[in-house]
Amino acid sequence: MLVMQWVWTETGKEAVAPQITYYALRVLMFILSFVLEDWAIHDLIQSPRERRLALLLTSSSYITWTYQTHTFSSAVETLIVLWSIVMTQRILNDKYRSALLSSAALGSLMAFGVFNRITFPAFILPPGVYLLFHFSRNGKFQANGPRPLSFLTLGTAFLFTTTVAIAVDTSFYNDSAGSFFHLLRTNPIITPLNSLLYNTSSSNLSIHGLHPPYQHFIVSLPLLLGPALLLLWNIRKPTLPILSVLSATLLLSLIPHQEPRFLLPAVPLVLSSVRLPKAKVLRRYWLVSWVIFNAVLGVLMGVYHQGGVVPAQLWLGQQQQHHLGFTEVFWWRTYSPPVWLLGGKEIMTIDLMGTKAQGMMKSVSEAVGSCRDRGPRTAGLVAPWSSVELDIWMKDSRAQLSFEKLWMSKYHLNLDDLDVEEDGIRGMLERLVGRRGLVVWKIRRLCEDTM
């Protein structure tokens, strides 16, 4: 983004348009995934025939051409996990040399992975165990043991990258007064620690939604892999990628809040390890199911699922503040909106995430003020059209609120709001599909002098 800003200013324009930055980052992630993901799979698999199959399955997976083309932290984590396993295998396969370059790269990747997402250690645990036995002799570290220099190099690279990451985060996120070195010494920002503390609090996780411990096994993995899960029965010997997937699934199932994107790295790891059925009839049926699965999920997840978030934020950033009439926008039951898409507009974004309806209503009501205030204010609310709680709130005369629909996108489904127990399957589908869309509302208080 800094390079784009520099190039853009050379053309005589002040700032890069948010749309240009957004699509440039999408293209960059596509190139990174296309090059680094395929390169890692090429390095992991030695057999040319199995390598071609792995590349074909990974490229045809809807995950590759939806999630991996976004700047999601999970998409970045996928590349880091893949290359961490590649570097691990290079170290393990180098029987006679210290593999210093691979060790240094792995140490940096491990530190970067931890700072990128706190879920990364769950994937890297099996490779880490393998390396511990590789660097030790008979399970005990010795000064004259095999490749002690590799272990030292890995540790040094990890500590160096960790120090740089803490310094960068402290400089970027710390608003306290004082010199940089003073802040680094007295109030350092350690992102993985903050993330760990946040995600170990049940009250915090309840805002995002709580799930049963088997959620990843019966929902996440089938949603990510579909028919490819059936091919796991053909694996005779568990490979390092499969062990990483198993480790991550088990460990992340211990966390009450579970989303399929947490297991995104599992997709290329599994697809690079499976084999097609030997029987021609079974192979044909499986390929047909694979094509249908990815075509349907590609449209559903790549176009509709939370598809209105970016267009809504871009629309808000393009509006003049006096046209909107408000400077506070509440987002409810959506993905966290990218604030930088506002293009520097002075619009405060409040992400309510999955807050209960009563909590959302209370926050918005407090923002618009009461009739006793001098000039009741207005506020914006971005919410899925499928949220029926808004219908009840709009019809409630006691609320004394006016709702004006400013903008709407029909290309939006809120698949995080599935409630089969209350709505039933038919009712849930009618609500989510029949009332698909994301709406920007302008809400103001109705007082006697404004009615």
Protein backbone atom coordinates (compact mmCIF):
# COMPACT_ATOMS: atom_id res chain seq x y z
CA MET A 1 0.00 0.00 0.00
CA LEU A 2 2.90 2.34 0.70
CA VAL A 3 4.37 1.60 -2.76
CA MET A 4 0.99 2.28 -4.38
CA GLN A 5 0.72 5.57 -2.48
CA TRP A 6 4.17 6.60 -3.70
CA VAL A 7 3.36 5.72 -7.32
CA TRP A 8 -0.04 7.41 -7.11
CA THR A 9 1.40 10.69 -5.83
CA GLU A 10 3.80 10.73 -8.78
CA THR A 11 0.75 10.99 -11.07
CA GLY A 12 -0.30 14.20 -9.33
CA LYS A 13 -3.12 12.73 -7.26
CA GLU A 14 -3.23 13.03 -3.48
CA ALA A 15 -4.36 9.56 -2.38
CA VAL A 16 -5.03 6.16 -3.86
CA ALA A 17 -8.72 5.45 -4.30
CA PRO A 18 -9.84 2.72 -1.87
CA GLN A 19 -11.31 0.68 -4.75
CA ILE A 20 -7.93 0.66 -6.53
CA THR A 21 -6.15 -0.45 -3.36
CA TYR A 22 -8.73 -3.16 -2.68
CA TYR A 23 -8.51 -4.76 -6.11
CA ALA A 24 -4.73 -4.38 -6.21
CA LEU A 25 -4.48 -6.34 -2.96
CA ARG A 26 -6.82 -8.99 -4.38
CA VAL A 27 -4.57 -9.38 -7.43
CA LEU A 28 -1.49 -9.50 -5.19
CA MET A 29 -2.99 -12.28 -3.04
CA PHE A 30 -3.98 -14.20 -6.17
CA ILE A 31 -0.41 -14.05 -7.46
CA LEU A 32 1.06 -15.00 -4.07
CA SER A 33 -1.30 -17.95 -3.71
CA PHE A 34 -0.77 -19.04 -7.31
CA VAL A 35 3.01 -18.97 -7.01
CA LEU A 36 3.76 -19.81 -3.36
CA GLU A 37 1.00 -22.37 -2.81
CA ASP A 38 1.77 -24.31 -6.02
CA TRP A 39 5.50 -24.07 -5.35
CA ALA A 40 5.07 -25.47 -1.84
CA ILE A 41 2.96 -28.39 -3.10
CA HIS A 42 5.54 -29.04 -5.83
CA ASP A 43 8.22 -29.24 -3.15
CA LEU A 44 6.18 -31.42 -0.77
CA ILE A 45 5.36 -34.16 -3.29
CA GLN A 46 8.13 -36.04 -5.07
CA SER A 47 6.08 -38.18 -7.45
CA PRO A 48 5.24 -36.24 -10.68
CA ARG A 49 1.91 -38.04 -11.06
CA GLU A 50 0.81 -37.39 -7.48
CA ARG A 51 2.07 -33.82 -7.76
CA ARG A 52 -0.11 -33.14 -10.82
CA LEU A 53 -3.15 -34.53 -9.00
CA ALA A 54 -2.48 -32.40 -5.91
CA LEU A 55 -2.08 -29.24 -7.98
CA LEU A 56 -5.26 -30.00 -9.92
CA LEU A 57 -7.33 -30.62 -6.78
CA THR A 58 -5.98 -27.56 -4.99
CA SER A 59 -6.51 -25.27 -8.00
CA SER A 60 -10.07 -26.53 -8.52
CA SER A 61 -11.04 -26.08 -4.86
CA TYR A 62 -13.36 -23.14 -4.27
CA ILE A 63 -11.23 -22.22 -1.25
CA THR A 64 -8.32 -21.38 -3.56
CA TRP A 65 -10.28 -18.98 -5.76
CA THR A 66 -12.37 -17.38 -3.01
CA TYR A 67 -10.63 -17.20 0.37
CA GLN A 68 -7.05 -17.38 -0.92
CA THR A 69 -7.56 -14.34 -3.15
CA HIS A 70 -8.45 -12.18 -0.13
CA THR A 71 -6.06 -10.59 2.36
CA PHE A 72 -7.52 -12.67 5.17
CA SER A 73 -5.15 -13.60 7.95
CA SER A 74 -6.28 -17.21 7.41
CA ALA A 75 -5.24 -17.01 3.75
CA VAL A 76 -1.80 -15.75 4.78
CA GLU A 77 -1.64 -18.45 7.45
CA THR A 78 -2.23 -21.10 4.78
CA LEU A 79 0.90 -20.03 2.91
CA ILE A 80 2.96 -19.85 6.12
CA VAL A 81 1.85 -23.33 7.25
CA LEU A 82 2.64 -24.83 3.85
CA TRP A 83 6.12 -23.35 3.70
CA SER A 84 6.82 -24.20 7.34
CA ILE A 85 6.15 -27.87 6.52
CA VAL A 86 8.29 -27.56 3.38
CA MET A 87 11.21 -26.17 5.40
CA THR A 88 10.69 -28.86 8.05
CA GLN A 89 10.91 -31.60 5.46
CA ARG A 90 14.03 -30.03 3.96
CA ILE A 91 15.70 -30.05 7.39
CA LEU A 92 14.60 -33.62 8.12
CA ASN A 93 15.78 -34.87 4.73
CA ASP A 94 19.20 -33.23 5.04
CA LYS A 95 21.01 -36.03 6.87
CA TYR A 96 24.58 -34.85 6.45
CA ARG A 97 24.52 -31.05 6.61
CA SER A 98 23.16 -28.48 9.02
CA ALA A 99 20.54 -27.02 6.59
CA LEU A 100 21.20 -23.54 8.00
CA LEU A 101 19.23 -21.65 5.33
CA SER A 102 16.13 -23.81 5.82
CA SER A 103 16.46 -23.50 9.60
CA ALA A 104 16.70 -19.71 9.43
CA ALA A 105 13.70 -19.54 7.08
CA LEU A 106 11.66 -21.84 9.32
CA GLY A 107 12.46 -19.80 12.44
CA SER A 108 11.28 -16.60 10.75
CA LEU A 109 8.18 -18.31 9.35
CA MET A 110 7.24 -19.67 12.76
CA ALA A 111 7.50 -16.24 14.39
CA PHE A 112 5.58 -14.59 11.54
CA GLY A 113 2.92 -17.30 11.74
CA VAL A 114 2.38 -16.79 15.47
CA PHE A 115 2.06 -13.02 15.05
CA ASN A 116 -0.26 -13.44 12.07
CA ARG A 117 -2.73 -15.80 13.78
CA ILE A 118 -2.80 -17.37 17.22
CA THR A 119 -4.11 -20.61 15.63
CA PHE A 120 -0.81 -21.20 13.82
CA PRO A 121 0.89 -23.23 16.61
CA ALA A 122 -1.91 -25.82 16.37
CA PHE A 123 -0.83 -26.60 12.80
CA ILE A 124 2.90 -26.52 13.43
CA LEU A 125 2.90 -28.78 16.51
CA PRO A 126 3.62 -32.10 14.66
CA PRO A 127 6.48 -30.61 12.57
CA GLY A 128 7.86 -29.11 15.79
CA VAL A 129 7.86 -32.52 17.50
CA TYR A 130 9.63 -34.08 14.51
CA LEU A 131 12.27 -31.35 14.64
CA LEU A 132 12.85 -31.81 18.36
CA PHE A 133 13.72 -35.48 17.80
CA HIS A 134 15.78 -34.55 14.75
CA PHE A 135 17.88 -32.01 16.66
CA SER A 136 18.37 -34.33 19.62
CA ARG A 137 20.06 -37.67 20.13
CA ASN A 138 18.07 -40.35 21.98
CA GLY A 139 15.61 -37.68 22.96
CA LYS A 140 18.26 -35.54 24.79
CA PHE A 141 20.01 -32.43 23.52
CA GLN A 142 23.79 -32.67 23.51
CA ALA A 143 26.48 -30.17 22.59
CA ASN A 144 28.00 -32.65 20.16
CA GLY A 145 24.62 -33.93 18.93
CA PRO A 146 23.61 -33.87 15.29
CA ARG A 147 23.15 -30.43 13.73
CA PRO A 148 23.22 -28.25 16.88
CA LEU A 149 24.00 -25.27 14.66
CA SER A 150 20.68 -25.73 12.84
CA PHE A 151 18.78 -25.58 16.11
CA LEU A 152 20.70 -22.45 17.16
CA THR A 153 20.03 -20.82 13.78
CA LEU A 154 16.32 -21.61 13.97
CA GLY A 155 16.06 -20.18 17.48
CA THR A 156 18.01 -17.04 16.57
CA ALA A 157 15.86 -16.39 13.50
CA PHE A 158 12.70 -16.89 15.57
CA LEU A 159 13.83 -14.47 18.29
CA PHE A 160 15.00 -11.87 15.76
CA THR A 161 11.72 -11.94 13.82
CA THR A 162 9.74 -11.84 17.08
CA THR A 163 11.69 -8.76 18.21
CA VAL A 164 11.07 -7.01 14.90
CA ALA A 165 7.34 -7.87 15.03
CA ILE A 166 7.00 -6.52 18.59
CA ALA A 167 8.84 -3.34 17.60
CA VAL A 168 6.61 -2.79 14.55
CA ASP A 169 3.38 -3.47 16.48
CA THR A 170 4.48 -1.21 19.34
CA SER A 171 5.25 1.61 16.92
CA PHE A 172 1.97 1.17 15.02
CA TYR A 173 -0.58 0.49 17.77
CA ASN A 174 0.79 2.32 20.82
CA ASP A 175 -0.77 5.77 21.31
CA SER A 176 1.07 6.53 24.57
CA ALA A 177 3.40 9.47 24.78
CA GLY A 178 7.13 8.92 24.87
CA SER A 179 9.99 7.90 22.65
CA PHE A 180 9.87 4.65 20.69
CA PHE A 181 12.54 2.93 22.79
CA HIS A 182 10.83 4.04 25.99
CA LEU A 183 7.53 2.55 24.80
CA LEU A 184 9.27 -0.62 23.67
CA ARG A 185 10.80 -1.01 27.12
CA THR A 186 7.81 0.00 29.27
CA ASN A 187 4.70 -0.80 27.19
CA PRO A 188 5.46 -3.23 24.33
CA ILE A 189 2.58 -4.50 22.19
CA ILE A 190 2.78 -8.30 22.00
CA THR A 191 -0.03 -9.19 19.59
CA PRO A 192 -0.14 -13.00 20.11
CA LEU A 193 -0.36 -12.51 23.88
CA ASN A 194 -3.22 -10.02 23.54
CA SER A 195 -4.98 -12.37 21.11
CA LEU A 196 -4.54 -15.32 23.46
CA LEU A 197 -5.92 -13.38 26.43
CA TYR A 198 -8.91 -12.23 24.39
CA ASN A 199 -9.72 -15.70 23.00
CA THR A 200 -9.49 -17.42 26.38
CA SER A 201 -12.29 -15.26 27.76
CA SER A 202 -15.74 -16.86 27.42
CA SER A 203 -17.45 -13.47 27.60
CA ASN A 204 -15.46 -12.26 24.59
CA LEU A 205 -16.10 -15.42 22.59
CA SER A 206 -19.84 -15.28 23.31
CA ILE A 207 -20.01 -12.05 21.29
CA HIS A 208 -18.81 -13.98 18.23
CA GLY A 209 -20.88 -17.09 18.96
CA LEU A 210 -20.24 -20.30 20.90
CA HIS A 211 -20.18 -23.75 19.29
CA PRO A 212 -20.04 -27.38 20.44
CA PRO A 213 -16.61 -29.08 20.49
CA TYR A 214 -17.50 -31.25 17.48
CA GLN A 215 -18.28 -28.24 15.23
CA HIS A 216 -15.04 -28.49 13.25
CA PHE A 217 -15.49 -32.20 12.59
CA ILE A 218 -19.12 -32.20 11.46
CA VAL A 219 -19.39 -28.71 9.92
CA SER A 220 -16.05 -27.01 9.20
CA LEU A 221 -14.14 -29.83 7.50
CA PRO A 222 -17.09 -31.01 5.35
CA LEU A 223 -17.76 -27.41 4.32
CA LEU A 224 -14.11 -26.85 3.35
CA LEU A 225 -13.32 -30.20 1.73
CA GLY A 226 -16.62 -31.76 0.70
CA PRO A 227 -16.10 -35.06 -1.22
CA ALA A 228 -12.35 -34.90 -0.54
CA LEU A 229 -13.04 -36.04 3.02
CA LEU A 230 -14.03 -39.46 1.65
CA LEU A 231 -10.56 -39.87 0.15
CA LEU A 232 -8.93 -39.79 3.58
CA TRP A 233 -9.82 -43.49 3.91
CA ASN A 234 -7.29 -44.25 1.15
CA ILE A 235 -4.38 -42.87 3.18
CA ARG A 236 -2.37 -45.81 4.51
CA LYS A 237 0.35 -43.90 6.35
CA PRO A 238 -0.28 -40.50 7.99
CA THR A 239 2.01 -37.89 6.46
CA LEU A 240 3.27 -34.72 8.10
CA PRO A 241 0.58 -32.57 6.40
CA ILE A 242 -2.18 -34.92 7.58
CA LEU A 243 -0.79 -34.93 11.12
CA SER A 244 -0.82 -31.13 11.06
CA VAL A 245 -4.47 -31.10 10.02
CA LEU A 246 -5.40 -33.60 12.73
CA SER A 247 -3.48 -31.65 15.37
CA ALA A 248 -5.08 -28.33 14.42
CA THR A 249 -8.60 -29.78 14.27
CA LEU A 250 -8.30 -31.40 17.69
CA LEU A 251 -6.69 -28.41 19.43
CA LEU A 252 -8.94 -25.77 17.87
CA SER A 253 -11.99 -27.85 18.81
CA LEU A 254 -11.15 -27.04 22.42
CA ILE A 255 -11.98 -23.37 21.75
CA PRO A 256 -15.72 -22.62 22.15
CA HIS A 257 -15.83 -20.30 19.13
CA GLN A 258 -15.22 -22.22 15.89
CA GLU A 259 -15.42 -21.05 12.28
CA PRO A 260 -14.50 -22.97 9.09
CA ARG A 261 -11.92 -20.32 8.14
CA PHE A 262 -9.87 -21.29 11.20
CA LEU A 263 -9.04 -24.56 9.38
CA LEU A 264 -8.27 -22.97 6.00
CA PRO A 265 -4.69 -24.35 5.85
CA ALA A 266 -6.17 -27.86 6.06
CA VAL A 267 -7.43 -27.65 2.46
CA PRO A 268 -4.11 -27.76 0.55
CA LEU A 269 -2.61 -30.07 3.20
CA VAL A 270 -5.36 -32.66 2.71
CA LEU A 271 -5.61 -32.26 -1.07
CA SER A 272 -1.85 -32.81 -1.42
CA SER A 273 -2.10 -36.08 0.51
CA VAL A 274 -5.15 -37.89 -0.90
CA ARG A 275 -5.44 -40.24 -3.88
CA LEU A 276 -8.40 -40.81 -6.21
CA PRO A 277 -10.33 -44.11 -6.09
CA LYS A 278 -8.80 -46.81 -8.28
CA ALA A 279 -12.15 -48.07 -9.63
CA LYS A 280 -13.15 -46.08 -12.73
CA VAL A 281 -16.82 -45.87 -11.78
CA LEU A 282 -16.07 -44.56 -8.28
CA ARG A 283 -13.49 -42.14 -9.68
CA ARG A 284 -16.01 -40.78 -12.21
CA TYR A 285 -18.71 -40.28 -9.59
CA TRP A 286 -16.25 -38.64 -7.23
CA LEU A 287 -15.00 -36.19 -9.89
CA VAL A 288 -18.58 -35.20 -10.77
CA SER A 289 -19.38 -34.60 -7.09
CA TRP A 290 -16.16 -32.59 -6.70
CA VAL A 291 -17.02 -30.30 -9.63
CA ILE A 292 -20.61 -29.73 -8.41
CA PHE A 293 -19.49 -29.13 -4.82
CA ASN A 294 -16.93 -26.48 -5.77
CA ALA A 295 -19.19 -24.79 -8.33
CA VAL A 296 -22.02 -24.39 -5.81
CA LEU A 297 -19.81 -23.40 -2.87
CA GLY A 298 -17.76 -21.11 -5.11
CA VAL A 299 -20.84 -19.05 -5.97
CA LEU A 300 -22.25 -19.23 -2.44
CA MET A 301 -19.08 -18.32 -0.56
CA GLY A 302 -17.35 -16.27 -3.25
CA VAL A 303 -20.29 -14.07 -4.24
CA TYR A 304 -23.07 -14.15 -1.64
CA HIS A 305 -21.67 -14.99 1.80
CA GLN A 306 -21.06 -11.60 3.45
CA GLY A 307 -20.78 -10.26 -0.09
CA GLY A 308 -22.29 -6.88 0.70
CA VAL A 309 -19.73 -5.80 3.30
CA VAL A 310 -17.12 -4.35 0.95
CA PRO A 311 -19.64 -2.66 -1.43
CA ALA A 312 -21.43 -1.10 1.55
CA GLN A 313 -18.21 0.28 3.01
CA LEU A 314 -17.13 1.61 -0.39
CA TRP A 315 -20.53 3.28 -0.80
CA LEU A 316 -20.28 4.92 2.63
CA GLY A 317 -16.79 6.20 1.78
CA GLN A 318 -18.05 7.79 -1.45
CA GLN A 319 -20.84 9.76 0.24
CA GLN A 320 -20.41 13.29 1.44
CA GLN A 321 -21.03 13.59 5.15
CA HIS A 322 -23.80 16.18 4.76
CA HIS A 323 -25.64 13.76 2.45
CA LEU A 324 -25.44 10.97 4.99
CA GLY A 325 -26.41 13.12 7.94
CA PHE A 326 -24.46 11.01 10.42
CA THR A 327 -20.87 10.24 11.36
CA GLU A 328 -21.46 7.05 13.39
CA VAL A 329 -22.17 3.74 11.65
CA PHE A 330 -23.03 0.54 13.54
CA TRP A 331 -22.32 -2.78 11.83
CA TRP A 332 -24.34 -5.73 13.08
CA ARG A 333 -24.11 -9.43 12.20
CA THR A 334 -21.50 -8.92 9.49
CA TYR A 335 -17.82 -9.51 9.05
CA SER A 336 -15.66 -6.72 10.48
CA PRO A 337 -15.76 -3.94 7.85
CA PRO A 338 -12.38 -2.73 6.52
CA VAL A 339 -12.18 0.81 7.87
CA TRP A 340 -9.54 1.88 5.34
CA LEU A 341 -12.12 1.51 2.55
CA LEU A 342 -13.72 4.73 3.81
CA GLY A 343 -10.84 6.62 2.24
CA GLY A 344 -10.09 8.75 5.28
CA LYS A 345 -13.69 9.98 5.75
CA GLU A 346 -14.49 10.97 9.34
CA ILE A 347 -17.00 8.20 9.88
CA MET A 348 -16.77 6.27 13.13
CA THR A 349 -17.26 2.54 12.59
CA ILE A 350 -18.67 0.55 15.52
CA ASP A 351 -18.52 -3.20 14.96
CA LEU A 352 -21.23 -4.87 17.04
CA MET A 353 -20.36 -8.29 15.56
CA GLY A 354 -22.83 -10.93 16.77
CA THR A 355 -24.22 -8.94 19.68
CA LYS A 356 -27.73 -9.91 20.76
CA ALA A 357 -30.55 -7.86 19.23
CA GLN A 358 -31.31 -6.11 22.54
CA GLY A 359 -27.67 -5.05 22.86
CA MET A 360 -27.66 -3.67 19.31
CA MET A 361 -30.87 -1.71 19.93
CA LYS A 362 -29.48 -0.25 23.14
CA SER A 363 -26.23 0.88 21.44
CA VAL A 364 -28.03 2.54 18.53
CA SER A 365 -30.65 4.18 20.79
CA GLU A 366 -27.92 5.68 22.95
CA ALA A 367 -26.15 6.99 19.84
CA VAL A 368 -29.21 8.86 18.50
CA GLY A 369 -29.91 10.38 21.92
CA SER A 370 -33.27 11.27 23.42
CA CYS A 371 -35.80 14.00 22.79
CA ARG A 372 -34.58 15.77 25.91
CA ASP A 373 -31.19 16.25 24.26
CA ARG A 374 -30.51 19.44 22.38
CA GLY A 375 -31.02 18.31 18.79
CA PRO A 376 -31.31 14.50 18.70
CA ARG A 377 -28.63 12.97 16.54
CA THR A 378 -28.82 10.43 13.71
CA ALA A 379 -26.81 7.24 13.27
CA GLY A 380 -26.22 4.65 10.58
CA LEU A 381 -26.90 0.94 10.91
CA VAL A 382 -25.60 -1.70 8.50
CA ALA A 383 -27.38 -5.01 9.01
CA PRO A 384 -28.57 -8.04 7.02
CA TRP A 385 -32.08 -7.78 5.56
CA SER A 386 -32.73 -11.27 6.98
CA SER A 387 -32.57 -9.98 10.58
CA VAL A 388 -36.26 -10.15 11.46
CA GLU A 389 -35.61 -8.46 14.82
CA LEU A 390 -35.33 -5.18 12.91
CA ASP A 391 -38.90 -5.62 11.61
CA ILE A 392 -40.24 -5.79 15.17
CA TRP A 393 -38.12 -2.83 16.23
CA MET A 394 -39.34 -0.67 13.32
CA LYS A 395 -43.00 -1.38 14.16
CA ASP A 396 -42.51 -0.60 17.85
CA SER A 397 -44.00 2.87 18.33
CA ARG A 398 -42.48 3.08 21.80
CA ALA A 399 -39.01 3.18 20.26
CA GLN A 400 -39.80 6.59 18.65
CA LEU A 401 -37.30 5.97 15.85
CA SER A 402 -37.38 6.66 12.13
CA PHE A 403 -35.72 4.16 9.76
CA GLU A 404 -34.71 5.30 6.28
CA LYS A 405 -33.24 2.78 3.85
CA LEU A 406 -30.31 4.49 2.09
CA TRP A 407 -28.65 1.62 0.25
CA MET A 408 -29.05 -2.11 -0.28
CA SER A 409 -27.13 -4.94 -1.94
CA LYS A 410 -28.97 -8.16 -2.83
CA TYR A 411 -25.67 -10.03 -3.18
CA HIS A 412 -25.39 -10.79 0.51
CA LEU A 413 -26.16 -13.87 2.58
CA ASN A 414 -25.56 -14.05 6.30
CA LEU A 415 -24.66 -17.74 6.70
CA ASP A 416 -23.46 -17.06 10.23
CA ASP A 417 -27.09 -16.57 11.28
CA LEU A 418 -28.36 -20.13 10.92
CA ASP A 419 -31.03 -21.03 13.46
CA VAL A 420 -32.61 -24.37 12.52
CA GLU A 421 -34.06 -24.99 15.99
CA GLU A 422 -36.16 -21.83 16.01
CA ASP A 423 -36.97 -21.37 12.30
CA GLY A 424 -36.90 -24.94 11.00
CA ILE A 425 -35.09 -25.77 7.77
CA ARG A 426 -37.77 -24.32 5.49
CA GLY A 427 -38.23 -21.18 7.55
CA MET A 428 -34.48 -20.64 7.79
CA LEU A 429 -34.03 -20.92 4.01
CA GLU A 430 -36.97 -18.61 3.33
CA ARG A 431 -35.48 -16.01 5.67
CA LEU A 432 -31.87 -16.24 4.50
CA VAL A 433 -32.45 -16.67 0.77
CA GLY A 434 -35.81 -14.95 0.32
CA ARG A 435 -34.64 -11.95 2.32
CA ARG A 436 -31.02 -11.94 1.24
CA GLY A 437 -29.27 -8.60 1.19
CA LEU A 438 -27.40 -6.02 3.26
CA VAL A 439 -29.01 -2.68 4.12
CA VAL A 440 -27.65 0.68 5.22
CA TRP A 441 -30.21 2.37 7.45
CA LYS A 442 -30.36 5.98 8.59
CA ILE A 443 -31.90 6.09 12.07
CA ARG A 444 -33.07 9.21 13.87
CA ARG A 445 -35.14 9.95 16.96
CA LEU A 446 -38.76 11.04 16.40
CA CYS A 447 -39.71 13.91 18.67
CA GLU A 448 -42.87 16.03 18.75
CA ASP A 449 -41.25 18.88 16.88
CA THR A 450 -39.99 16.56 14.14
CA MET A 451 -43.11 14.39 13.72
